[in-house]
Amino acid sequence: MGILENKARARLFYKYLSNVYDQVNPFIWNEEMRADALELLDLDEGMTVLDVGCGTGFATEGLLEHVDEVYALDQSEHQLEQAYAKLGKHAPPVHFHRGDAERLPFATDTFDVVWSSGSIEYWPNPILALREFRRVLKPGGQVLVVGPNYPDSILAQKLADSIMLFYDEYEADRMFKRAGFEDVKHLFQGPSYDPDVAITTIGRAPE
């Protein structure tokens, strides 16, 4: 388990990163990548959507181009403060919650879509969190998760494993299917300098 696959350490990490997150993020996860990921979903403006690990609201802003309202959750108060400044704290179209991906504060069968980008790599138990996603999804609802693709070189793999969760499409398949999802598919994404830096996985909750 990597050093940042720990909730307390991840919160401390984002206490400092949140101040520059929106300046750094485009080098790893940019608007073009976000748009390509959004195209994988069957979104309609009236859908109920949850953004888990919403951070400063970058993905939330993209989701709001397709749906009327978004529920957004993050464990970092510092990341949420940045999101509040951009999107407002107390009123629609965003309903913010501070919480844990492994214990979502929502009822079963609530959402049409659950989205999470740049968060799974910090979860101590990703399958538990994915099962929570399935629980809160309506039957047939879609899930989309963006995480870091496992590097090719042995040296980079050792470094990646020491920091946080990196995984390939085979591990993504295993995690999503163990969590109970169907129709699991993957897309590799990245900026021009590294087009495979991210792996985006989509699936559906059973009908």
Protein backbone atom coordinates (compact mmCIF):
# COMPACT_ATOMS: atom_id res chain seq x y z
CA MET A 1 0.00 0.00 0.00
CA GLY A 2 1.35 3.43 -0.99
CA ILE A 3 2.04 6.23 1.44
CA LEU A 4 -1.01 8.23 0.26
CA GLU A 5 -3.43 5.29 0.46
CA ASN A 6 -4.17 6.52 3.95
CA LYS A 7 -7.01 8.94 4.62
CA ALA A 8 -5.20 11.09 7.18
CA ARG A 9 -2.07 11.42 5.03
CA ALA A 10 -4.15 12.17 1.93
CA ARG A 11 -6.01 14.94 3.80
CA LEU A 12 -2.69 16.43 4.93
CA PHE A 13 -1.34 16.20 1.38
CA TYR A 14 -4.32 18.13 0.01
CA LYS A 15 -4.14 20.72 2.76
CA TYR A 16 -1.10 22.07 0.91
CA LEU A 17 -1.83 20.96 -2.66
CA SER A 18 -5.27 22.58 -2.70
CA ASN A 19 -3.71 26.04 -2.97
CA VAL A 20 -2.13 25.21 -6.34
CA TYR A 21 -4.28 22.27 -7.47
CA ASP A 22 -6.07 24.10 -10.28
CA GLN A 23 -2.74 25.28 -11.69
CA VAL A 24 -1.13 21.81 -11.57
CA ASN A 25 -4.11 19.67 -12.55
CA PRO A 26 -4.26 20.62 -16.28
CA PHE A 27 -0.86 18.98 -16.83
CA ILE A 28 -2.39 15.62 -15.79
CA TRP A 29 -6.17 15.87 -16.22
CA ASN A 30 -7.37 18.55 -18.62
CA GLU A 31 -10.62 19.77 -20.19
CA GLU A 32 -10.19 17.69 -23.34
CA MET A 33 -9.73 14.51 -21.30
CA ARG A 34 -12.74 15.41 -19.16
CA ALA A 35 -14.87 15.96 -22.28
CA ASP A 36 -13.81 12.61 -23.75
CA ALA A 37 -14.72 10.85 -20.48
CA LEU A 38 -18.10 12.58 -20.33
CA GLU A 39 -18.87 11.29 -23.84
CA LEU A 40 -18.74 7.74 -22.45
CA LEU A 41 -21.82 8.38 -20.30
CA ASP A 42 -25.48 8.49 -21.32
CA LEU A 43 -26.22 11.80 -19.61
CA ASP A 44 -29.54 13.62 -19.57
CA GLU A 45 -30.16 16.97 -17.88
CA GLY A 46 -32.67 15.53 -15.41
CA MET A 47 -30.40 12.77 -14.11
CA THR A 48 -29.24 12.54 -10.50
CA VAL A 49 -25.43 12.53 -10.52
CA LEU A 50 -22.82 12.05 -7.78
CA ASP A 51 -19.20 13.23 -8.09
CA VAL A 52 -17.06 11.35 -5.54
CA GLY A 53 -13.72 12.94 -4.71
CA CYS A 54 -14.87 16.16 -6.34
CA GLY A 55 -11.81 18.10 -5.19
CA THR A 56 -11.90 21.70 -6.37
CA GLY A 57 -14.90 21.00 -8.61
CA PHE A 58 -13.17 20.52 -11.97
CA ALA A 59 -15.20 17.43 -12.93
CA THR A 60 -18.31 18.92 -11.30
CA GLU A 61 -18.12 21.86 -13.69
CA GLY A 62 -17.93 19.47 -16.64
CA LEU A 63 -20.88 17.42 -15.39
CA LEU A 64 -22.94 20.60 -15.06
CA GLU A 65 -22.60 21.11 -18.81
CA HIS A 66 -24.80 18.01 -19.20
CA VAL A 67 -27.05 17.81 -16.10
CA ASP A 68 -29.00 20.30 -14.02
CA GLU A 69 -27.64 19.36 -10.57
CA VAL A 70 -24.68 17.47 -9.13
CA TYR A 71 -24.08 16.02 -5.67
CA ALA A 72 -20.38 16.42 -4.90
CA LEU A 73 -18.43 14.73 -2.09
CA ASP A 74 -14.84 14.99 -0.88
CA GLN A 75 -13.00 14.15 2.35
CA SER A 76 -10.69 17.20 2.15
CA GLU A 77 -12.07 20.39 3.67
CA HIS A 78 -9.31 22.34 1.89
CA GLN A 79 -10.27 21.01 -1.54
CA LEU A 80 -13.93 21.70 -0.80
CA GLU A 81 -13.15 25.30 0.16
CA GLN A 82 -11.72 25.79 -3.32
CA ALA A 83 -14.84 24.23 -4.84
CA TYR A 84 -17.14 26.44 -2.74
CA ALA A 85 -15.33 29.52 -4.02
CA LYS A 86 -16.07 28.53 -7.61
CA LEU A 87 -19.51 26.98 -7.36
CA GLY A 88 -21.11 28.23 -4.14
CA LYS A 89 -21.52 26.31 -0.91
CA HIS A 90 -25.17 26.06 0.05
CA ALA A 91 -27.39 26.22 -3.05
CA PRO A 92 -28.00 24.28 -6.26
CA PRO A 93 -26.84 23.41 -8.84
CA VAL A 94 -24.24 21.68 -6.59
CA HIS A 95 -25.02 19.92 -3.30
CA PHE A 96 -21.71 19.55 -1.43
CA HIS A 97 -20.97 16.90 1.20
CA ARG A 98 -17.82 16.21 3.15
CA GLY A 99 -17.48 12.46 3.43
CA ASP A 100 -15.78 9.18 2.68
CA ALA A 101 -15.98 7.18 -0.57
CA GLU A 102 -16.11 3.96 1.45
CA ARG A 103 -19.14 5.14 3.50
CA LEU A 104 -21.28 7.28 1.26
CA PRO A 105 -23.94 9.30 3.13
CA PHE A 106 -26.68 8.55 0.60
CA ALA A 107 -29.57 6.12 0.39
CA THR A 108 -29.52 2.99 -1.74
CA ASP A 109 -30.69 3.40 -5.36
CA THR A 110 -30.33 7.20 -5.37
CA PHE A 111 -28.21 8.10 -8.41
CA ASP A 112 -28.35 7.57 -12.16
CA VAL A 113 -24.60 8.15 -12.50
CA VAL A 114 -21.65 8.01 -10.11
CA TRP A 115 -18.48 9.72 -11.36
CA SER A 116 -15.06 9.79 -9.71
CA SER A 117 -11.87 11.23 -11.21
CA GLY A 118 -8.51 11.46 -9.48
CA SER A 119 -9.72 9.86 -6.26
CA ILE A 120 -9.49 6.05 -6.42
CA GLU A 121 -5.71 6.13 -6.04
CA TYR A 122 -6.13 7.33 -2.43
CA TRP A 123 -8.73 4.78 -1.32
CA PRO A 124 -7.41 2.19 1.16
CA ASN A 125 -10.06 -0.29 0.00
CA PRO A 126 -11.14 0.48 -3.59
CA ILE A 127 -13.45 -2.52 -3.91
CA LEU A 128 -15.35 -1.44 -0.78
CA ALA A 129 -15.77 2.05 -2.27
CA LEU A 130 -16.89 0.63 -5.62
CA ARG A 131 -19.47 -1.50 -3.81
CA GLU A 132 -20.72 1.69 -2.19
CA PHE A 133 -21.01 3.21 -5.66
CA ARG A 134 -23.10 0.23 -6.77
CA ARG A 135 -25.26 0.51 -3.65
CA VAL A 136 -26.18 4.15 -4.27
CA LEU A 137 -26.69 3.66 -8.02
CA LYS A 138 -30.13 2.93 -9.35
CA PRO A 139 -30.48 -0.42 -11.16
CA GLY A 140 -28.86 -0.01 -14.57
CA GLY A 141 -27.09 3.17 -13.48
CA GLN A 142 -23.64 4.03 -14.81
CA VAL A 143 -20.33 4.38 -13.00
CA LEU A 144 -17.22 6.10 -14.35
CA VAL A 145 -13.89 6.15 -12.53
CA VAL A 146 -10.67 7.79 -13.70
CA GLY A 147 -7.45 6.59 -12.07
CA PRO A 148 -3.71 6.43 -12.78
CA ASN A 149 -2.60 3.84 -15.30
CA TYR A 150 0.13 1.44 -14.16
CA PRO A 151 3.49 2.41 -15.70
CA ASP A 152 5.46 0.07 -17.97
CA SER A 153 8.97 0.23 -16.53
CA ILE A 154 9.91 -1.71 -13.40
CA LEU A 155 11.52 1.35 -11.79
CA ALA A 156 8.42 3.49 -12.37
CA GLN A 157 6.24 0.67 -11.05
CA LYS A 158 8.20 0.49 -7.80
CA LEU A 159 7.94 4.26 -7.36
CA ALA A 160 4.21 4.24 -8.19
CA ASP A 161 3.51 1.40 -5.74
CA SER A 162 5.26 3.30 -2.95
CA ILE A 163 3.05 6.37 -3.39
CA MET A 164 -0.53 5.33 -4.21
CA LEU A 165 -2.71 2.91 -6.16
CA PHE A 166 -1.83 2.52 -9.83
CA TYR A 167 -3.53 -0.22 -11.85
CA ASP A 168 -3.96 -1.59 -15.37
CA GLU A 169 -7.10 -2.61 -17.25
CA TYR A 170 -6.93 -6.17 -15.95
CA GLU A 171 -6.89 -5.02 -12.33
CA ALA A 172 -9.66 -2.53 -13.10
CA ASP A 173 -11.72 -5.36 -14.58
CA ARG A 174 -11.18 -7.43 -11.45
CA MET A 175 -12.10 -4.61 -9.06
CA PHE A 176 -15.23 -3.52 -10.90
CA LYS A 177 -16.52 -7.04 -11.42
CA ARG A 178 -15.87 -7.98 -7.79
CA ALA A 179 -17.85 -4.89 -6.83
CA GLY A 180 -20.76 -6.21 -8.90
CA PHE A 181 -20.63 -4.07 -12.04
CA GLU A 182 -21.47 -5.27 -15.54
CA ASP A 183 -20.47 -4.15 -19.07
CA VAL A 184 -17.08 -3.00 -17.79
CA LYS A 185 -14.96 -1.15 -20.37
CA HIS A 186 -11.81 0.96 -20.31
CA LEU A 187 -10.34 3.97 -22.11
CA PHE A 188 -6.74 5.12 -21.79
CA GLN A 189 -6.40 8.89 -21.60
CA GLY A 190 -3.72 11.49 -21.10
CA PRO A 191 -2.28 14.81 -22.22
CA SER A 192 -0.19 14.90 -25.40
CA TYR A 193 3.09 14.23 -23.58
CA ASP A 194 1.74 11.00 -22.03
CA PRO A 195 -1.48 9.81 -23.73
CA ASP A 196 -1.87 6.73 -21.48
CA VAL A 197 -1.29 8.29 -18.06
CA ALA A 198 -4.90 7.71 -16.98
CA ILE A 199 -7.27 4.76 -17.20
CA THR A 200 -10.99 5.51 -17.34
CA THR A 201 -13.35 2.66 -16.53
CA ILE A 202 -17.09 2.61 -17.04
CA GLY A 203 -19.67 0.03 -16.02
CA ARG A 204 -23.29 -0.46 -15.09
CA ALA A 205 -25.11 -1.59 -11.98
CA PRO A 206 -27.20 -4.71 -12.58
CA GLU A 207 -30.82 -4.10 -13.59
